[in-house]
Amino acid sequence: LDEKRRAMGVLLQEEAAFLAESDAM
């Protein structure tokens, strides 16, 4: 469960980076 949560955290960070990139654009 901890491993799955960590992996999901990475995905959420990547999504946040995409959203920040969208704002910057």
PDB file of all heavy atoms in Angstrom:
ATOM      1  N   LEU A   1       0.835  -1.204   0.000  1.00  0.00           N
ATOM      2  CA  LEU A   1       0.000   0.000   0.000  1.00  0.00           C
ATOM      3  C   LEU A   1       0.868   1.251   0.000  1.00  0.00           C
ATOM      4  O   LEU A   1       0.607   2.199  -0.752  1.00  0.00           O
ATOM      5  CB  LEU A   1      -0.941  -0.013   1.202  1.00  0.00           C
ATOM      6  CG  LEU A   1      -1.878   1.185   1.337  1.00  0.00           C
ATOM      7  CD1 LEU A   1      -2.787   1.311   0.117  1.00  0.00           C
ATOM      8  CD2 LEU A   1      -2.702   1.060   2.611  1.00  0.00           C
ATOM      9  N   ASP A   2       1.902   1.264   0.809  1.00  0.00           N
ATOM     10  CA  ASP A   2       2.811   2.416   0.852  1.00  0.00           C
ATOM     11  C   ASP A   2       3.470   2.653  -0.504  1.00  0.00           C
ATOM     12  O   ASP A   2       3.604   3.798  -0.957  1.00  0.00           O
ATOM     13  CB  ASP A   2       3.884   2.232   1.924  1.00  0.00           C
ATOM     14  CG  ASP A   2       3.333   2.337   3.327  1.00  0.00           C
ATOM     15  OD1 ASP A   2       2.203   2.850   3.491  1.00  0.00           O
ATOM     16  OD2 ASP A   2       4.030   1.895   4.269  1.00  0.00           O
ATOM     17  N   GLU A   3       3.878   1.578  -1.160  1.00  0.00           N
ATOM     18  CA  GLU A   3       4.505   1.700  -2.484  1.00  0.00           C
ATOM     19  C   GLU A   3       3.520   2.268  -3.504  1.00  0.00           C
ATOM     20  O   GLU A   3       3.875   3.129  -4.315  1.00  0.00           O
ATOM     21  CB  GLU A   3       5.038   0.341  -2.963  1.00  0.00           C
ATOM     22  CG  GLU A   3       6.264  -0.128  -2.220  1.00  0.00           C
ATOM     23  CD  GLU A   3       7.427   0.827  -2.351  1.00  0.00           C
ATOM     24  OE1 GLU A   3       7.793   1.193  -3.485  1.00  0.00           O
ATOM     25  OE2 GLU A   3       7.985   1.216  -1.308  1.00  0.00           O
ATOM     26  N   LYS A   4       2.292   1.798  -3.464  1.00  0.00           N
ATOM     27  CA  LYS A   4       1.268   2.305  -4.393  1.00  0.00           C
ATOM     28  C   LYS A   4       0.986   3.781  -4.129  1.00  0.00           C
ATOM     29  O   LYS A   4       0.806   4.567  -5.057  1.00  0.00           O
ATOM     30  CB  LYS A   4      -0.032   1.497  -4.279  1.00  0.00           C
ATOM     31  CG  LYS A   4       0.099   0.035  -4.621  1.00  0.00           C
ATOM     32  CD  LYS A   4       0.375  -0.184  -6.077  1.00  0.00           C
ATOM     33  CE  LYS A   4       0.434  -1.676  -6.363  1.00  0.00           C
ATOM     34  NZ  LYS A   4       0.783  -1.970  -7.715  1.00  0.00           N
ATOM     35  N   ARG A   5       0.961   4.151  -2.848  1.00  0.00           N
ATOM     36  CA  ARG A   5       0.733   5.559  -2.509  1.00  0.00           C
ATOM     37  C   ARG A   5       1.887   6.439  -2.974  1.00  0.00           C
ATOM     38  O   ARG A   5       1.668   7.550  -3.442  1.00  0.00           O
ATOM     39  CB  ARG A   5       0.533   5.712  -1.000  1.00  0.00           C
ATOM     40  CG  ARG A   5      -0.816   5.243  -0.527  1.00  0.00           C
ATOM     41  CD  ARG A   5      -0.950   5.394   0.964  1.00  0.00           C
ATOM     42  NE  ARG A   5      -2.283   5.037   1.407  1.00  0.00           N
ATOM     43  CZ  ARG A   5      -2.598   4.791   2.654  1.00  0.00           C
ATOM     44  NH1 ARG A   5      -1.689   4.881   3.609  1.00  0.00           N
ATOM     45  NH2 ARG A   5      -3.831   4.472   2.975  1.00  0.00           N
ATOM     46  N   ARG A   6       3.113   5.936  -2.819  1.00  0.00           N
ATOM     47  CA  ARG A   6       4.272   6.706  -3.301  1.00  0.00           C
ATOM     48  C   ARG A   6       4.194   6.908  -4.815  1.00  0.00           C
ATOM     49  O   ARG A   6       4.449   7.997  -5.314  1.00  0.00           O
ATOM     50  CB  ARG A   6       5.573   5.995  -2.938  1.00  0.00           C
ATOM     51  CG  ARG A   6       6.008   6.225  -1.525  1.00  0.00           C
ATOM     52  CD  ARG A   6       7.413   5.663  -1.270  1.00  0.00           C
ATOM     53  NE  ARG A   6       7.561   5.405   0.132  1.00  0.00           N
ATOM     54  CZ  ARG A   6       7.387   4.228   0.730  1.00  0.00           C
ATOM     55  NH1 ARG A   6       7.102   3.166   0.013  1.00  0.00           N
ATOM     56  NH2 ARG A   6       7.518   4.089   2.016  1.00  0.00           N
ATOM     57  N   ALA A   7       3.860   5.849  -5.524  1.00  0.00           N
ATOM     58  CA  ALA A   7       3.746   5.938  -6.977  1.00  0.00           C
ATOM     59  C   ALA A   7       2.662   6.939  -7.370  1.00  0.00           C
ATOM     60  O   ALA A   7       2.840   7.727  -8.305  1.00  0.00           O
ATOM     61  CB  ALA A   7       3.444   4.557  -7.572  1.00  0.00           C
ATOM     62  N   MET A   8       1.566   6.922  -6.638  1.00  0.00           N
ATOM     63  CA  MET A   8       0.487   7.869  -6.926  1.00  0.00           C
ATOM     64  C   MET A   8       0.942   9.296  -6.627  1.00  0.00           C
ATOM     65  O   MET A   8       0.599  10.219  -7.358  1.00  0.00           O
ATOM     66  CB  MET A   8      -0.751   7.537  -6.110  1.00  0.00           C
ATOM     67  CG  MET A   8      -1.903   8.418  -6.448  1.00  0.00           C
ATOM     68  SD  MET A   8      -3.407   7.515  -6.266  1.00  0.00           S
ATOM     69  CE  MET A   8      -4.550   8.842  -6.354  1.00  0.00           C
ATOM     70  N   GLY A   9       1.730   9.473  -5.584  1.00  0.00           N
ATOM     71  CA  GLY A   9       2.265  10.791  -5.259  1.00  0.00           C
ATOM     72  C   GLY A   9       3.129  11.336  -6.383  1.00  0.00           C
ATOM     73  O   GLY A   9       3.057  12.522  -6.713  1.00  0.00           O
ATOM     74  N   VAL A  10       3.929  10.469  -6.986  1.00  0.00           N
ATOM     75  CA  VAL A  10       4.764  10.886  -8.114  1.00  0.00           C
ATOM     76  C   VAL A  10       3.884  11.321  -9.284  1.00  0.00           C
ATOM     77  O   VAL A  10       4.136  12.353  -9.916  1.00  0.00           O
ATOM     78  CB  VAL A  10       5.712   9.735  -8.540  1.00  0.00           C
ATOM     79  CG1 VAL A  10       6.388  10.036  -9.863  1.00  0.00           C
ATOM     80  CG2 VAL A  10       6.758   9.494  -7.448  1.00  0.00           C
ATOM     81  N   LEU A  11       2.844  10.549  -9.551  1.00  0.00           N
ATOM     82  CA  LEU A  11       1.929  10.904 -10.647  1.00  0.00           C
ATOM     83  C   LEU A  11       1.236  12.241 -10.382  1.00  0.00           C
ATOM     84  O   LEU A  11       1.079  13.061 -11.297  1.00  0.00           O
ATOM     85  CB  LEU A  11       0.879   9.807 -10.844  1.00  0.00           C
ATOM     86  CG  LEU A  11       1.401   8.467 -11.367  1.00  0.00           C
ATOM     87  CD1 LEU A  11       0.287   7.428 -11.374  1.00  0.00           C
ATOM     88  CD2 LEU A  11       2.011   8.617 -12.750  1.00  0.00           C
ATOM     89  N   LEU A  12       0.845  12.474  -9.137  1.00  0.00           N
ATOM     90  CA  LEU A  12       0.199  13.740  -8.799  1.00  0.00           C
ATOM     91  C   LEU A  12       1.170  14.914  -8.948  1.00  0.00           C
ATOM     92  O   LEU A  12       0.772  16.001  -9.386  1.00  0.00           O
ATOM     93  CB  LEU A  12      -0.365  13.684  -7.384  1.00  0.00           C
ATOM     94  CG  LEU A  12      -1.585  12.773  -7.204  1.00  0.00           C
ATOM     95  CD1 LEU A  12      -1.923  12.605  -5.731  1.00  0.00           C
ATOM     96  CD2 LEU A  12      -2.781  13.293  -7.985  1.00  0.00           C
ATOM     97  N   GLN A  13       2.423  14.694  -8.602  1.00  0.00           N
ATOM     98  CA  GLN A  13       3.435  15.738  -8.790  1.00  0.00           C
ATOM     99  C   GLN A  13       3.632  16.030 -10.278  1.00  0.00           C
ATOM    100  O   GLN A  13       3.782  17.193 -10.676  1.00  0.00           O
ATOM    101  CB  GLN A  13       4.761  15.337  -8.157  1.00  0.00           C
ATOM    102  CG  GLN A  13       4.752  15.368  -6.655  1.00  0.00           C
ATOM    103  CD  GLN A  13       6.040  14.830  -6.056  1.00  0.00           C
ATOM    104  OE1 GLN A  13       6.843  14.189  -6.731  1.00  0.00           O
ATOM    105  NE2 GLN A  13       6.230  15.081  -4.767  1.00  0.00           N
ATOM    106  N   GLU A  14       3.649  14.987 -11.084  1.00  0.00           N
ATOM    107  CA  GLU A  14       3.797  15.179 -12.528  1.00  0.00           C
ATOM    108  C   GLU A  14       2.612  15.948 -13.094  1.00  0.00           C
ATOM    109  O   GLU A  14       2.776  16.830 -13.943  1.00  0.00           O
ATOM    110  CB  GLU A  14       3.958  13.826 -13.225  1.00  0.00           C
ATOM    111  CG  GLU A  14       5.276  13.147 -12.917  1.00  0.00           C
ATOM    112  CD  GLU A  14       5.345  11.724 -13.425  1.00  0.00           C
ATOM    113  OE1 GLU A  14       4.349  11.199 -13.968  1.00  0.00           O
ATOM    114  OE2 GLU A  14       6.424  11.114 -13.266  1.00  0.00           O
ATOM    115  N   GLU A  15       1.410  15.618 -12.626  1.00  0.00           N
ATOM    116  CA  GLU A  15       0.227  16.348 -13.076  1.00  0.00           C
ATOM    117  C   GLU A  15       0.325  17.822 -12.671  1.00  0.00           C
ATOM    118  O   GLU A  15       0.009  18.712 -13.464  1.00  0.00           O
ATOM    119  CB  GLU A  15      -1.046  15.740 -12.493  1.00  0.00           C
ATOM    120  CG  GLU A  15      -2.300  16.487 -12.937  1.00  0.00           C
ATOM    121  CD  GLU A  15      -3.529  16.157 -12.120  1.00  0.00           C
ATOM    122  OE1 GLU A  15      -3.397  15.825 -10.926  1.00  0.00           O
ATOM    123  OE2 GLU A  15      -4.630  16.259 -12.681  1.00  0.00           O
ATOM    124  N   ALA A  16       0.772  18.072 -11.455  1.00  0.00           N
ATOM    125  CA  ALA A  16       0.924  19.453 -10.984  1.00  0.00           C
ATOM    126  C   ALA A  16       1.933  20.206 -11.838  1.00  0.00           C
ATOM    127  O   ALA A  16       1.742  21.391 -12.143  1.00  0.00           O
ATOM    128  CB  ALA A  16       1.338  19.469  -9.513  1.00  0.00           C
ATOM    129  N   ALA A  17       2.995  19.528 -12.253  1.00  0.00           N
ATOM    130  CA  ALA A  17       3.990  20.165 -13.118  1.00  0.00           C
ATOM    131  C   ALA A  17       3.367  20.516 -14.473  1.00  0.00           C
ATOM    132  O   ALA A  17       3.631  21.596 -15.021  1.00  0.00           O
ATOM    133  CB  ALA A  17       5.198  19.251 -13.307  1.00  0.00           C
ATOM    134  N   PHE A  18       2.552  19.626 -15.009  1.00  0.00           N
ATOM    135  CA  PHE A  18       1.878  19.916 -16.277  1.00  0.00           C
ATOM    136  C   PHE A  18       0.933  21.108 -16.131  1.00  0.00           C
ATOM    137  O   PHE A  18       0.857  21.964 -17.015  1.00  0.00           O
ATOM    138  CB  PHE A  18       1.086  18.700 -16.772  1.00  0.00           C
ATOM    139  CG  PHE A  18       1.925  17.591 -17.339  1.00  0.00           C
ATOM    140  CD1 PHE A  18       1.453  16.290 -17.331  1.00  0.00           C
ATOM    141  CD2 PHE A  18       3.176  17.817 -17.880  1.00  0.00           C
ATOM    142  CE1 PHE A  18       2.201  15.248 -17.856  1.00  0.00           C
ATOM    143  CE2 PHE A  18       3.940  16.789 -18.405  1.00  0.00           C
ATOM    144  CZ  PHE A  18       3.448  15.497 -18.388  1.00  0.00           C
ATOM    145  N   LEU A  19       0.212  21.150 -15.027  1.00  0.00           N
ATOM    146  CA  LEU A  19      -0.712  22.266 -14.803  1.00  0.00           C
ATOM    147  C   LEU A  19       0.044  23.581 -14.633  1.00  0.00           C
ATOM    148  O   LEU A  19      -0.397  24.626 -15.132  1.00  0.00           O
ATOM    149  CB  LEU A  19      -1.599  21.983 -13.587  1.00  0.00           C
ATOM    150  CG  LEU A  19      -2.581  20.813 -13.753  1.00  0.00           C
ATOM    151  CD1 LEU A  19      -3.286  20.518 -12.441  1.00  0.00           C
ATOM    152  CD2 LEU A  19      -3.577  21.085 -14.868  1.00  0.00           C
ATOM    153  N   ALA A  20       1.186  23.541 -13.969  1.00  0.00           N
ATOM    154  CA  ALA A  20       2.014  24.744 -13.825  1.00  0.00           C
ATOM    155  C   ALA A  20       2.545  25.179 -15.188  1.00  0.00           C
ATOM    156  O   ALA A  20       2.593  26.382 -15.496  1.00  0.00           O
ATOM    157  CB  ALA A  20       3.167  24.477 -12.865  1.00  0.00           C
ATOM    158  N   GLU A  21       2.913  24.216 -16.003  1.00  0.00           N
ATOM    159  CA  GLU A  21       3.374  24.522 -17.360  1.00  0.00           C
ATOM    160  C   GLU A  21       2.251  25.161 -18.172  1.00  0.00           C
ATOM    161  O   GLU A  21       2.476  26.114 -18.932  1.00  0.00           O
ATOM    162  CB  GLU A  21       3.869  23.243 -18.047  1.00  0.00           C
ATOM    163  CG  GLU A  21       4.440  23.460 -19.417  1.00  0.00           C
ATOM    164  CD  GLU A  21       4.925  22.169 -20.064  1.00  0.00           C
ATOM    165  OE1 GLU A  21       5.072  21.142 -19.371  1.00  0.00           O
ATOM    166  OE2 GLU A  21       5.151  22.201 -21.288  1.00  0.00           O
ATOM    167  N   SER A  22       1.045  24.671 -18.006  1.00  0.00           N
ATOM    168  CA  SER A  22      -0.104  25.237 -18.700  1.00  0.00           C
ATOM    169  C   SER A  22      -0.329  26.686 -18.280  1.00  0.00           C
ATOM    170  O   SER A  22      -0.584  27.553 -19.134  1.00  0.00           O
ATOM    171  CB  SER A  22      -1.352  24.396 -18.402  1.00  0.00           C
ATOM    172  OG  SER A  22      -2.491  24.958 -19.000  1.00  0.00           O
ATOM    173  N   ASP A  23      -0.230  26.955 -16.976  1.00  0.00           N
ATOM    174  CA  ASP A  23      -0.372  28.333 -16.487  1.00  0.00           C
ATOM    175  C   ASP A  23       0.718  29.228 -17.065  1.00  0.00           C
ATOM    176  O   ASP A  23       0.446  30.367 -17.484  1.00  0.00           O
ATOM    177  CB  ASP A  23      -0.323  28.375 -14.960  1.00  0.00           C
ATOM    178  CG  ASP A  23      -1.588  27.836 -14.323  1.00  0.00           C
ATOM    179  OD1 ASP A  23      -2.609  27.710 -15.035  1.00  0.00           O
ATOM    180  OD2 ASP A  23      -1.552  27.543 -13.107  1.00  0.00           O
ATOM    181  N   ALA A  24       1.946  28.722 -17.078  1.00  0.00           N
ATOM    182  CA  ALA A  24       3.064  29.505 -17.610  1.00  0.00           C
ATOM    183  C   ALA A  24       2.852  29.805 -19.094  1.00  0.00           C
ATOM    184  O   ALA A  24       3.138  30.923 -19.564  1.00  0.00           O
ATOM    185  CB  ALA A  24       4.379  28.764 -17.397  1.00  0.00           C
ATOM    186  N   MET A  25       2.338  28.811 -19.822  1.00  0.00           N
ATOM    187  CA  MET A  25       2.069  29.033 -21.248  1.00  0.00           C
ATOM    188  C   MET A  25       0.991  30.103 -21.435  1.00  0.00           C
ATOM    189  O   MET A  25       1.096  30.939 -22.337  1.00  0.00           O
ATOM    190  CB  MET A  25       1.638  27.716 -21.920  1.00  0.00           C
ATOM    191  CG  MET A  25       2.775  26.765 -22.172  1.00  0.00           C
ATOM    192  SD  MET A  25       2.244  25.147 -22.811  1.00  0.00           S
ATOM    193  CE  MET A  25       1.280  25.592 -24.218  1.00  0.00           C
TER     194      MET A  25
END
